[in-house]
Amino acid sequence: MHHMYIHNIVGYGGGWYSTNAGVGVQTGHPTPVSTWDDVVVENNTFDHVDRLAVAVTPDGDGQGTGLTTNTVIRNNTMTYDGADDILVVKNDGALIDGNKAGYGGAIQTVSGLTPSGTCLLVGWAKAATAGEEVAVGVKSFGGTETYLRASTTSYTQQPVFFTTGVSTTSAGVYCYKNSGSAAGYCDDYAPIKLS
């Protein structure tokens, strides 16, 4: 999907993420399990989309077995979305790059982590206007959500250490900017297994 203007979307209150998105891609649950490969969402404008601008998820409220690969979400502009701007769950090789979010951010669920393992989330963040904050963090890993904030106009590294729960093998890594009027930027953020 390229060069679209998607606006004034009201999400369905009882639905799962893909039913509440300006662009929603969700795998089905037939046998064999369905997949989506090489989904590209770029150079679009999302304005007043409630709940998410872009969602790429498996079936079963995100708990299904469907897997997408090589999703690319880049160079989109998102303003006034009702929740997260970008949500990618169970995806191998996803690239989220160069998106501008007025409020909200992007979250990606990563899997393959070791239970009770120590991890380092590395990432770079900056604010378009000095003094406004951009957060890089991790949640849904079996521990307390943790994050660091950047408030400079040049990229600074935001290292966040966390330990997964005793039976947890995934985590939600995110970049959020939920106050102020200027854009926030995050780049090259990913978890690294340390133990």
N, C-alpha and C. Protein backbone atom coordinates (compact mmCIF):
# COMPACT_ATOMS: atom_id res chain seq x y z
N MET A 1 0.85 -1.15 0.00
CA MET A 1 0.00 0.00 0.00
C MET A 1 0.91 1.23 0.00
N HIS A 2 0.71 2.10 -0.97
CA HIS A 2 1.60 3.25 -1.14
C HIS A 2 0.79 4.53 -1.40
N HIS A 3 1.26 5.64 -0.87
CA HIS A 3 0.76 6.98 -1.21
C HIS A 3 -0.75 7.14 -1.03
N MET A 4 -1.26 6.68 0.11
CA MET A 4 -2.69 6.80 0.40
C MET A 4 -2.90 7.83 1.51
N TYR A 5 -4.08 8.45 1.52
CA TYR A 5 -4.50 9.33 2.60
C TYR A 5 -5.64 8.63 3.32
N ILE A 6 -5.38 8.12 4.53
CA ILE A 6 -6.35 7.34 5.28
C ILE A 6 -6.74 8.18 6.49
N HIS A 7 -8.03 8.49 6.61
CA HIS A 7 -8.43 9.45 7.64
C HIS A 7 -9.83 9.16 8.17
N ASN A 8 -10.08 9.71 9.37
CA ASN A 8 -11.39 9.67 10.02
C ASN A 8 -11.96 8.26 10.11
N ILE A 9 -11.16 7.34 10.67
CA ILE A 9 -11.57 5.95 10.88
C ILE A 9 -11.96 5.78 12.35
N VAL A 10 -13.14 5.21 12.59
CA VAL A 10 -13.58 4.92 13.95
C VAL A 10 -13.53 3.41 14.13
N GLY A 11 -12.72 2.94 15.08
CA GLY A 11 -12.54 1.51 15.30
C GLY A 11 -13.75 0.86 15.92
N TYR A 12 -13.80 -0.44 15.80
CA TYR A 12 -14.85 -1.27 16.38
C TYR A 12 -14.45 -1.63 17.80
N GLY A 13 -15.21 -1.19 18.78
CA GLY A 13 -14.84 -1.35 20.19
C GLY A 13 -14.63 -2.77 20.65
N GLY A 14 -15.30 -3.74 20.04
CA GLY A 14 -15.17 -5.13 20.48
C GLY A 14 -14.22 -5.94 19.63
N GLY A 15 -13.54 -5.32 18.73
CA GLY A 15 -12.70 -6.07 17.79
C GLY A 15 -11.26 -6.18 18.22
N TRP A 16 -10.53 -7.03 17.51
CA TRP A 16 -9.10 -7.21 17.72
C TRP A 16 -8.38 -6.15 16.92
N TYR A 17 -7.08 -6.04 17.08
CA TYR A 17 -6.29 -4.96 16.52
C TYR A 17 -6.55 -4.69 15.04
N SER A 18 -6.54 -5.72 14.21
CA SER A 18 -6.66 -5.48 12.78
C SER A 18 -8.03 -4.94 12.38
N THR A 19 -9.06 -5.13 13.23
CA THR A 19 -10.38 -4.55 12.93
C THR A 19 -10.47 -3.10 13.39
N ASN A 20 -9.43 -2.61 14.03
CA ASN A 20 -9.39 -1.24 14.53
C ASN A 20 -8.24 -0.45 13.93
N ALA A 21 -7.88 -0.75 12.70
CA ALA A 21 -6.71 -0.12 12.10
C ALA A 21 -7.06 0.51 10.76
N GLY A 22 -6.34 1.56 10.43
CA GLY A 22 -6.47 2.14 9.10
C GLY A 22 -6.04 1.14 8.05
N VAL A 23 -4.95 0.40 8.33
CA VAL A 23 -4.51 -0.72 7.50
C VAL A 23 -4.34 -1.89 8.45
N GLY A 24 -5.12 -2.95 8.27
CA GLY A 24 -5.06 -4.12 9.12
C GLY A 24 -4.79 -5.36 8.29
N VAL A 25 -3.74 -6.09 8.63
CA VAL A 25 -3.40 -7.35 7.96
C VAL A 25 -3.36 -8.41 9.06
N GLN A 26 -4.23 -9.42 8.94
CA GLN A 26 -4.29 -10.47 9.96
C GLN A 26 -4.32 -11.82 9.28
N THR A 27 -3.49 -12.75 9.78
CA THR A 27 -3.50 -14.10 9.23
C THR A 27 -4.78 -14.81 9.65
N GLY A 28 -5.21 -15.76 8.85
CA GLY A 28 -6.35 -16.58 9.20
C GLY A 28 -5.89 -17.79 9.99
N HIS A 29 -6.82 -18.68 10.31
CA HIS A 29 -6.43 -19.87 11.06
C HIS A 29 -6.91 -21.16 10.39
N PRO A 30 -6.77 -21.26 9.07
CA PRO A 30 -7.10 -22.53 8.42
C PRO A 30 -5.94 -23.52 8.60
N THR A 31 -6.12 -24.71 8.08
CA THR A 31 -5.04 -25.69 8.05
C THR A 31 -4.64 -25.88 6.60
N PRO A 32 -3.42 -25.70 6.18
CA PRO A 32 -2.31 -25.25 7.02
C PRO A 32 -2.46 -23.78 7.40
N VAL A 33 -1.68 -23.35 8.40
CA VAL A 33 -1.74 -21.99 8.92
C VAL A 33 -1.39 -20.99 7.82
N SER A 34 -2.15 -19.91 7.75
CA SER A 34 -1.88 -18.91 6.72
C SER A 34 -0.75 -17.98 7.15
N THR A 35 -0.11 -17.37 6.16
CA THR A 35 0.96 -16.40 6.41
C THR A 35 0.80 -15.24 5.44
N TRP A 36 1.41 -14.13 5.78
CA TRP A 36 1.53 -12.99 4.87
C TRP A 36 3.02 -12.73 4.72
N ASP A 37 3.47 -12.61 3.49
CA ASP A 37 4.88 -12.35 3.24
C ASP A 37 5.03 -11.05 2.45
N ASP A 38 6.07 -10.29 2.79
CA ASP A 38 6.45 -9.09 2.04
C ASP A 38 5.35 -8.03 1.98
N VAL A 39 4.65 -7.79 3.10
CA VAL A 39 3.67 -6.72 3.18
C VAL A 39 4.44 -5.40 3.27
N VAL A 40 4.09 -4.43 2.42
CA VAL A 40 4.75 -3.13 2.42
C VAL A 40 3.69 -2.04 2.58
N VAL A 41 3.86 -1.20 3.60
CA VAL A 41 3.00 -0.04 3.84
C VAL A 41 3.94 1.15 3.93
N GLU A 42 3.94 2.01 2.89
CA GLU A 42 4.91 3.11 2.89
C GLU A 42 4.35 4.36 2.22
N ASN A 43 4.88 5.50 2.67
CA ASN A 43 4.56 6.81 2.10
C ASN A 43 3.08 7.13 2.16
N ASN A 44 2.42 6.76 3.27
CA ASN A 44 1.00 7.05 3.47
C ASN A 44 0.83 8.11 4.55
N THR A 45 -0.33 8.73 4.58
CA THR A 45 -0.70 9.65 5.64
C THR A 45 -1.92 9.08 6.36
N PHE A 46 -1.81 8.93 7.69
CA PHE A 46 -2.89 8.46 8.53
C PHE A 46 -3.28 9.62 9.44
N ASP A 47 -4.54 10.02 9.41
CA ASP A 47 -5.00 11.17 10.20
C ASP A 47 -6.31 10.82 10.89
N HIS A 48 -6.34 10.94 12.22
CA HIS A 48 -7.52 10.62 13.01
C HIS A 48 -8.01 9.20 12.74
N VAL A 49 -7.13 8.24 13.02
CA VAL A 49 -7.46 6.82 12.88
C VAL A 49 -7.52 6.22 14.28
N ASP A 50 -8.66 5.65 14.63
CA ASP A 50 -8.82 5.09 15.96
C ASP A 50 -9.08 3.60 15.83
N ARG A 51 -8.18 2.89 16.23
CA ARG A 51 -7.29 2.77 17.35
C ARG A 51 -5.84 2.72 16.90
N LEU A 52 -5.56 2.14 15.73
CA LEU A 52 -4.20 2.00 15.23
C LEU A 52 -4.12 2.47 13.79
N ALA A 53 -2.96 2.99 13.38
CA ALA A 53 -2.77 3.31 11.97
C ALA A 53 -2.50 2.03 11.18
N VAL A 54 -1.53 1.21 11.62
CA VAL A 54 -1.16 -0.02 10.91
C VAL A 54 -1.05 -1.16 11.92
N ALA A 55 -1.70 -2.30 11.62
CA ALA A 55 -1.60 -3.49 12.45
C ALA A 55 -1.35 -4.70 11.55
N VAL A 56 -0.30 -5.45 11.86
CA VAL A 56 0.00 -6.71 11.16
C VAL A 56 0.11 -7.76 12.25
N THR A 57 -0.91 -8.64 12.35
CA THR A 57 -1.02 -9.56 13.48
C THR A 57 -1.49 -10.95 13.06
N PRO A 58 -1.24 -11.96 13.92
CA PRO A 58 -1.82 -13.28 13.67
C PRO A 58 -3.26 -13.32 14.17
N ASP A 59 -3.95 -14.40 13.87
CA ASP A 59 -5.33 -14.58 14.32
C ASP A 59 -5.36 -14.84 15.83
N GLY A 60 -6.56 -15.05 16.35
CA GLY A 60 -6.72 -15.44 17.75
C GLY A 60 -6.28 -14.39 18.73
N ASP A 61 -6.67 -13.14 18.50
CA ASP A 61 -6.29 -12.04 19.38
C ASP A 61 -4.78 -11.93 19.57
N GLY A 62 -4.05 -12.20 18.49
CA GLY A 62 -2.60 -12.09 18.53
C GLY A 62 -1.90 -13.31 19.08
N GLN A 63 -2.66 -14.31 19.51
CA GLN A 63 -2.08 -15.51 20.10
C GLN A 63 -2.02 -16.66 19.11
N GLY A 64 -2.54 -16.45 17.90
CA GLY A 64 -2.59 -17.51 16.90
C GLY A 64 -1.21 -17.91 16.42
N THR A 65 -1.18 -18.91 15.56
CA THR A 65 0.08 -19.46 15.09
C THR A 65 0.54 -18.88 13.76
N GLY A 66 -0.29 -18.05 13.14
CA GLY A 66 0.11 -17.44 11.87
C GLY A 66 1.33 -16.56 12.04
N LEU A 67 2.18 -16.55 11.03
CA LEU A 67 3.41 -15.76 11.08
C LEU A 67 3.54 -14.98 9.79
N THR A 68 3.89 -13.71 9.89
CA THR A 68 4.17 -12.92 8.70
C THR A 68 5.67 -12.73 8.60
N THR A 69 6.15 -12.50 7.38
CA THR A 69 7.59 -12.31 7.19
C THR A 69 7.85 -11.08 6.35
N ASN A 70 8.97 -10.44 6.63
CA ASN A 70 9.50 -9.33 5.84
C ASN A 70 8.52 -8.17 5.67
N THR A 71 7.76 -7.86 6.70
CA THR A 71 6.88 -6.69 6.66
C THR A 71 7.72 -5.42 6.67
N VAL A 72 7.35 -4.45 5.83
CA VAL A 72 8.04 -3.16 5.78
C VAL A 72 6.99 -2.07 6.00
N ILE A 73 7.21 -1.26 7.05
CA ILE A 73 6.34 -0.12 7.35
C ILE A 73 7.27 1.08 7.45
N ARG A 74 7.26 1.94 6.42
CA ARG A 74 8.24 3.03 6.41
C ARG A 74 7.68 4.30 5.77
N ASN A 75 8.25 5.41 6.24
CA ASN A 75 8.00 6.74 5.69
C ASN A 75 6.52 7.11 5.67
N ASN A 76 5.78 6.70 6.72
CA ASN A 76 4.38 7.08 6.87
C ASN A 76 4.28 8.23 7.87
N THR A 77 3.27 9.05 7.72
CA THR A 77 2.99 10.13 8.66
C THR A 77 1.70 9.80 9.39
N MET A 78 1.73 9.83 10.73
CA MET A 78 0.59 9.44 11.53
C MET A 78 0.30 10.51 12.57
N THR A 79 -0.94 11.01 12.55
CA THR A 79 -1.33 12.03 13.53
C THR A 79 -2.68 11.66 14.13
N TYR A 80 -2.79 11.88 15.43
CA TYR A 80 -4.03 11.70 16.17
C TYR A 80 -4.63 10.31 16.04
N ASP A 81 -3.79 9.29 16.23
CA ASP A 81 -4.30 7.93 16.29
C ASP A 81 -4.75 7.66 17.72
N GLY A 82 -5.71 6.75 17.89
CA GLY A 82 -6.31 6.52 19.19
C GLY A 82 -5.44 5.73 20.16
N ALA A 83 -4.43 5.02 19.68
CA ALA A 83 -3.57 4.22 20.56
C ALA A 83 -2.18 4.14 19.94
N ASP A 84 -1.67 2.93 19.75
CA ASP A 84 -0.38 2.76 19.10
C ASP A 84 -0.51 3.14 17.63
N ASP A 85 0.54 3.68 17.07
CA ASP A 85 0.51 3.99 15.64
C ASP A 85 0.78 2.76 14.81
N ILE A 86 1.71 1.92 15.25
CA ILE A 86 2.10 0.72 14.50
C ILE A 86 2.17 -0.45 15.47
N LEU A 87 1.57 -1.58 15.08
CA LEU A 87 1.65 -2.80 15.87
C LEU A 87 1.99 -3.95 14.95
N VAL A 88 3.09 -4.64 15.24
CA VAL A 88 3.50 -5.81 14.48
C VAL A 88 3.71 -6.95 15.48
N VAL A 89 2.98 -8.06 15.29
CA VAL A 89 3.05 -9.20 16.21
C VAL A 89 3.40 -10.45 15.41
N LYS A 90 4.33 -11.26 15.93
CA LYS A 90 4.76 -12.52 15.31
C LYS A 90 5.17 -12.31 13.86
N ASN A 91 6.24 -11.57 13.69
CA ASN A 91 6.74 -11.26 12.37
C ASN A 91 8.24 -11.53 12.33
N ASP A 92 8.71 -12.13 11.29
CA ASP A 92 10.12 -12.42 11.13
C ASP A 92 10.69 -11.48 10.06
N GLY A 93 11.66 -10.67 10.43
CA GLY A 93 12.31 -9.78 9.46
C GLY A 93 11.60 -8.46 9.24
N ALA A 94 10.80 -7.99 10.21
CA ALA A 94 10.08 -6.73 10.04
C ALA A 94 11.04 -5.54 10.04
N LEU A 95 10.72 -4.54 9.21
CA LEU A 95 11.44 -3.27 9.18
C LEU A 95 10.44 -2.16 9.42
N ILE A 96 10.62 -1.40 10.49
CA ILE A 96 9.81 -0.23 10.79
C ILE A 96 10.76 0.94 10.77
N ASP A 97 10.64 1.83 9.78
CA ASP A 97 11.69 2.82 9.56
C ASP A 97 11.12 4.12 9.01
N GLY A 98 11.59 5.24 9.52
CA GLY A 98 11.31 6.55 8.95
C GLY A 98 9.88 7.02 9.09
N ASN A 99 9.11 6.47 10.03
CA ASN A 99 7.73 6.89 10.24
C ASN A 99 7.69 8.08 11.18
N LYS A 100 6.76 8.99 10.94
CA LYS A 100 6.60 10.17 11.79
C LYS A 100 5.27 10.06 12.51
N ALA A 101 5.32 10.12 13.85
CA ALA A 101 4.12 10.01 14.65
C ALA A 101 3.97 11.26 15.51
N GLY A 102 2.82 11.91 15.42
CA GLY A 102 2.56 13.09 16.23
C GLY A 102 2.30 12.72 17.68
N TYR A 103 1.52 11.68 17.90
CA TYR A 103 1.23 11.14 19.22
C TYR A 103 1.19 9.63 19.06
N GLY A 104 1.67 8.91 20.05
CA GLY A 104 1.64 7.46 19.96
C GLY A 104 3.01 6.93 19.63
N GLY A 105 3.05 5.82 18.90
CA GLY A 105 4.33 5.23 18.58
C GLY A 105 4.18 3.90 17.90
N ALA A 106 5.22 3.09 18.00
CA ALA A 106 5.24 1.78 17.36
C ALA A 106 5.63 0.74 18.40
N ILE A 107 4.99 -0.43 18.30
CA ILE A 107 5.34 -1.54 19.16
C ILE A 107 5.46 -2.79 18.31
N GLN A 108 6.47 -3.60 18.59
CA GLN A 108 6.66 -4.85 17.88
C GLN A 108 6.90 -5.95 18.90
N THR A 109 6.16 -7.05 18.77
CA THR A 109 6.37 -8.21 19.63
C THR A 109 7.47 -9.06 19.02
N VAL A 110 8.52 -9.30 19.80
CA VAL A 110 9.62 -10.15 19.35
C VAL A 110 9.56 -11.46 20.12
N SER A 111 9.87 -12.54 19.45
CA SER A 111 9.82 -13.85 20.09
C SER A 111 11.20 -14.51 20.01
N GLY A 112 11.30 -15.70 20.57
CA GLY A 112 12.57 -16.42 20.55
C GLY A 112 13.49 -16.07 21.71
N LEU A 113 12.96 -15.36 22.72
CA LEU A 113 13.78 -15.03 23.88
C LEU A 113 13.82 -16.24 24.82
N THR A 114 14.79 -16.27 25.70
CA THR A 114 14.96 -17.36 26.65
C THR A 114 14.22 -17.05 27.94
N PRO A 115 13.42 -18.00 28.47
CA PRO A 115 12.78 -17.76 29.76
C PRO A 115 13.81 -17.45 30.84
N SER A 116 13.50 -16.50 31.70
CA SER A 116 14.39 -16.04 32.77
C SER A 116 15.73 -15.56 32.23
N GLY A 117 15.73 -15.10 30.98
CA GLY A 117 16.96 -14.63 30.36
C GLY A 117 17.13 -13.13 30.47
N THR A 118 18.36 -12.70 30.59
CA THR A 118 18.69 -11.28 30.63
C THR A 118 18.87 -10.78 29.20
N CYS A 119 18.25 -9.64 28.91
CA CYS A 119 18.29 -9.07 27.57
C CYS A 119 18.64 -7.58 27.65
N LEU A 120 19.12 -7.08 26.54
CA LEU A 120 19.41 -5.65 26.41
C LEU A 120 18.64 -5.15 25.19
N LEU A 121 17.77 -4.18 25.39
CA LEU A 121 17.10 -3.53 24.27
C LEU A 121 17.94 -2.32 23.90
N VAL A 122 18.46 -2.31 22.68
CA VAL A 122 19.24 -1.17 22.22
C VAL A 122 18.42 -0.41 21.19
N GLY A 123 18.57 0.87 21.17
CA GLY A 123 17.85 1.68 20.22
C GLY A 123 18.31 3.12 20.30
N TRP A 124 18.00 3.87 19.26
CA TRP A 124 18.37 5.28 19.18
C TRP A 124 17.09 6.10 19.07
N ALA A 125 17.06 7.24 19.75
CA ALA A 125 15.86 8.08 19.73
C ALA A 125 16.26 9.55 19.74
N LYS A 126 15.36 10.37 19.17
CA LYS A 126 15.53 11.82 19.24
C LYS A 126 14.17 12.48 19.09
N ALA A 127 14.08 13.71 19.57
CA ALA A 127 12.88 14.52 19.43
C ALA A 127 13.13 15.60 18.39
N ALA A 128 12.09 15.96 17.65
CA ALA A 128 12.24 17.01 16.64
C ALA A 128 12.42 18.37 17.30
N THR A 129 11.87 18.54 18.50
CA THR A 129 11.97 19.79 19.25
C THR A 129 12.63 19.51 20.59
N ALA A 130 13.67 20.27 20.93
CA ALA A 130 14.38 20.08 22.19
C ALA A 130 13.41 20.17 23.37
N GLY A 131 13.59 19.29 24.33
CA GLY A 131 12.76 19.30 25.53
C GLY A 131 11.57 18.37 25.46
N GLU A 132 11.11 18.01 24.28
CA GLU A 132 10.04 17.02 24.17
C GLU A 132 10.66 15.64 24.27
N GLU A 133 9.90 14.65 24.75
CA GLU A 133 10.47 13.35 25.06
C GLU A 133 9.97 12.23 24.16
N VAL A 134 10.89 11.31 23.86
CA VAL A 134 10.60 10.09 23.13
C VAL A 134 11.06 8.93 24.01
N ALA A 135 10.21 7.92 24.20
CA ALA A 135 10.56 6.79 25.06
C ALA A 135 10.84 5.55 24.22
N VAL A 136 11.91 4.84 24.57
CA VAL A 136 12.23 3.53 24.01
C VAL A 136 12.14 2.57 25.18
N GLY A 137 11.33 1.50 25.03
CA GLY A 137 11.16 0.61 26.16
C GLY A 137 10.70 -0.77 25.78
N VAL A 138 10.41 -1.55 26.83
CA VAL A 138 9.99 -2.94 26.67
C VAL A 138 8.90 -3.24 27.70
N LYS A 139 7.90 -4.03 27.27
CA LYS A 139 6.83 -4.46 28.17
C LYS A 139 6.35 -5.84 27.74
N SER A 140 5.46 -6.42 28.53
CA SER A 140 4.87 -7.73 28.24
C SER A 140 5.93 -8.82 28.13
N PHE A 141 6.91 -8.78 29.05
CA PHE A 141 7.98 -9.77 29.04
C PHE A 141 8.02 -10.59 30.33
N GLY A 142 6.96 -10.45 31.16
CA GLY A 142 6.93 -11.17 32.42
C GLY A 142 7.55 -10.39 33.57
N GLY A 143 7.83 -9.14 33.35
CA GLY A 143 8.40 -8.27 34.37
C GLY A 143 7.77 -6.88 34.27
N THR A 144 8.31 -5.94 35.04
CA THR A 144 7.80 -4.58 35.06
C THR A 144 8.26 -3.81 33.82
N GLU A 145 7.32 -3.15 33.15
CA GLU A 145 7.66 -2.33 31.98
C GLU A 145 8.80 -1.38 32.35
N THR A 146 9.75 -1.25 31.43
CA THR A 146 10.89 -0.38 31.68
C THR A 146 11.25 0.37 30.40
N TYR A 147 11.71 1.60 30.54
CA TYR A 147 12.02 2.42 29.37
C TYR A 147 12.98 3.54 29.74
N LEU A 148 13.56 4.14 28.72
CA LEU A 148 14.38 5.34 28.88
C LEU A 148 13.83 6.39 27.92
N ARG A 149 14.02 7.66 28.27
CA ARG A 149 13.52 8.76 27.45
C ARG A 149 14.66 9.59 26.89
N ALA A 150 14.47 10.03 25.66
CA ALA A 150 15.41 10.95 25.02
C ALA A 150 14.70 12.28 24.81
N SER A 151 15.41 13.37 25.04
CA SER A 151 14.81 14.69 24.84
C SER A 151 15.71 15.62 24.05
N THR A 152 16.69 15.06 23.35
CA THR A 152 17.59 15.87 22.54
C THR A 152 17.17 15.80 21.07
N THR A 153 17.71 16.71 20.27
CA THR A 153 17.38 16.73 18.84
C THR A 153 18.39 15.96 17.99
N SER A 154 19.34 15.33 18.65
CA SER A 154 20.25 14.43 17.92
C SER A 154 20.07 13.03 18.51
N TYR A 155 20.27 12.01 17.68
CA TYR A 155 20.07 10.64 18.14
C TYR A 155 20.97 10.32 19.32
N THR A 156 20.39 9.75 20.36
CA THR A 156 21.13 9.24 21.51
C THR A 156 20.72 7.79 21.73
N GLN A 157 21.68 6.97 22.14
CA GLN A 157 21.38 5.56 22.36
C GLN A 157 20.64 5.41 23.68
N GLN A 158 19.63 4.54 23.67
CA GLN A 158 18.79 4.31 24.83
C GLN A 158 18.85 2.83 25.22
N PRO A 159 19.88 2.38 25.99
CA PRO A 159 19.99 0.97 26.37
C PRO A 159 19.06 0.64 27.54
N VAL A 160 18.24 -0.40 27.39
CA VAL A 160 17.30 -0.81 28.42
C VAL A 160 17.52 -2.29 28.71
N PHE A 161 17.90 -2.62 29.96
CA PHE A 161 18.10 -4.01 30.37
C PHE A 161 16.80 -4.55 30.94
N PHE A 162 16.51 -5.84 30.67
CA PHE A 162 15.35 -6.48 31.26
C PHE A 162 15.57 -7.98 31.34
N THR A 163 14.82 -8.64 32.23
CA THR A 163 14.89 -10.09 32.40
C THR A 163 13.51 -10.67 32.16
N THR A 164 13.42 -11.63 31.26
CA THR A 164 12.13 -12.23 30.94
C THR A 164 11.63 -13.07 32.11
N GLY A 165 10.31 -13.30 32.14
CA GLY A 165 9.69 -14.13 33.18
C GLY A 165 10.09 -15.59 33.03
N VAL A 166 9.73 -16.40 34.03
CA VAL A 166 10.16 -17.80 34.07
C VAL A 166 9.61 -18.63 32.91
N SER A 167 8.52 -18.21 32.30
CA SER A 167 7.99 -18.95 31.15
C SER A 167 7.76 -18.06 29.94
N THR A 168 8.38 -16.88 29.93
CA THR A 168 8.15 -15.90 28.87
C THR A 168 9.24 -15.97 27.81
N THR A 169 8.84 -16.04 26.54
CA THR A 169 9.80 -16.12 25.44
C THR A 169 9.61 -14.98 24.44
N SER A 170 8.82 -13.97 24.82
CA SER A 170 8.60 -12.84 23.92
C SER A 170 8.53 -11.55 24.72
N ALA A 171 8.59 -10.43 24.01
CA ALA A 171 8.51 -9.11 24.65
C ALA A 171 8.00 -8.10 23.62
N GLY A 172 7.38 -7.07 24.10
CA GLY A 172 6.95 -5.96 23.24
C GLY A 172 7.95 -4.83 23.34
N VAL A 173 8.66 -4.55 22.25
CA VAL A 173 9.61 -3.43 22.24
C VAL A 173 8.93 -2.25 21.56
N TYR A 174 9.15 -1.06 22.09
CA TYR A 174 8.39 0.08 21.57
C TYR A 174 9.17 1.37 21.54
N CYS A 175 8.62 2.29 20.78
CA CYS A 175 9.04 3.69 20.71
C CYS A 175 7.77 4.51 20.79
N TYR A 176 7.67 5.40 21.78
CA TYR A 176 6.47 6.23 21.96
C TYR A 176 6.84 7.69 22.11
N LYS A 177 5.97 8.52 21.61
CA LYS A 177 6.01 9.95 21.89
C LYS A 177 4.57 10.37 22.14
N ASN A 178 4.22 10.56 23.40
CA ASN A 178 2.81 10.82 23.69
C ASN A 178 2.53 12.17 24.32
N SER A 179 3.42 13.13 24.11
CA SER A 179 3.13 14.50 24.54
C SER A 179 3.91 15.46 23.65
N GLY A 180 3.51 16.71 23.67
CA GLY A 180 4.15 17.72 22.82
C GLY A 180 3.54 17.74 21.44
N SER A 181 4.03 18.62 20.61
CA SER A 181 3.41 18.80 19.29
C SER A 181 4.33 18.41 18.12
N ALA A 182 5.61 18.20 18.39
CA ALA A 182 6.54 17.87 17.31
C ALA A 182 6.72 16.35 17.21
N ALA A 183 7.37 15.92 16.16
CA ALA A 183 7.59 14.49 15.91
C ALA A 183 8.69 13.93 16.81
N GLY A 184 8.69 12.61 16.96
CA GLY A 184 9.75 11.89 17.63
C GLY A 184 10.27 10.81 16.69
N TYR A 185 11.51 10.41 16.85
CA TYR A 185 12.13 9.45 15.95
C TYR A 185 12.84 8.36 16.74
N CYS A 186 12.73 7.12 16.27
CA CYS A 186 13.47 5.99 16.83
C CYS A 186 14.06 5.21 15.68
N ASP A 187 15.21 4.64 15.91
CA ASP A 187 15.87 3.88 14.84
C ASP A 187 16.69 2.75 15.43
N ASP A 188 16.81 1.68 14.67
CA ASP A 188 17.68 0.54 15.02
C ASP A 188 17.48 0.03 16.44
N TYR A 189 16.23 -0.18 16.84
CA TYR A 189 16.03 -0.75 18.16
C TYR A 189 15.66 -2.23 18.05
N ALA A 190 16.32 -3.04 18.91
CA ALA A 190 16.12 -4.48 18.90
C ALA A 190 16.64 -5.06 20.21
N PRO A 191 16.04 -6.18 20.65
CA PRO A 191 16.55 -6.83 21.85
C PRO A 191 17.73 -7.75 21.53
N ILE A 192 18.67 -7.82 22.45
CA ILE A 192 19.82 -8.71 22.33
C ILE A 192 19.81 -9.64 23.54
N LYS A 193 19.85 -10.95 23.29
CA LYS A 193 19.89 -11.92 24.39
C LYS A 193 21.29 -11.93 24.98
N LEU A 194 21.39 -11.70 26.30
CA LEU A 194 22.68 -11.72 26.99
C LEU A 194 22.91 -13.02 27.72
N SER A 195 21.82 -13.63 28.21
CA SER A 195 21.94 -14.94 28.88
C SER A 195 20.64 -15.70 28.77
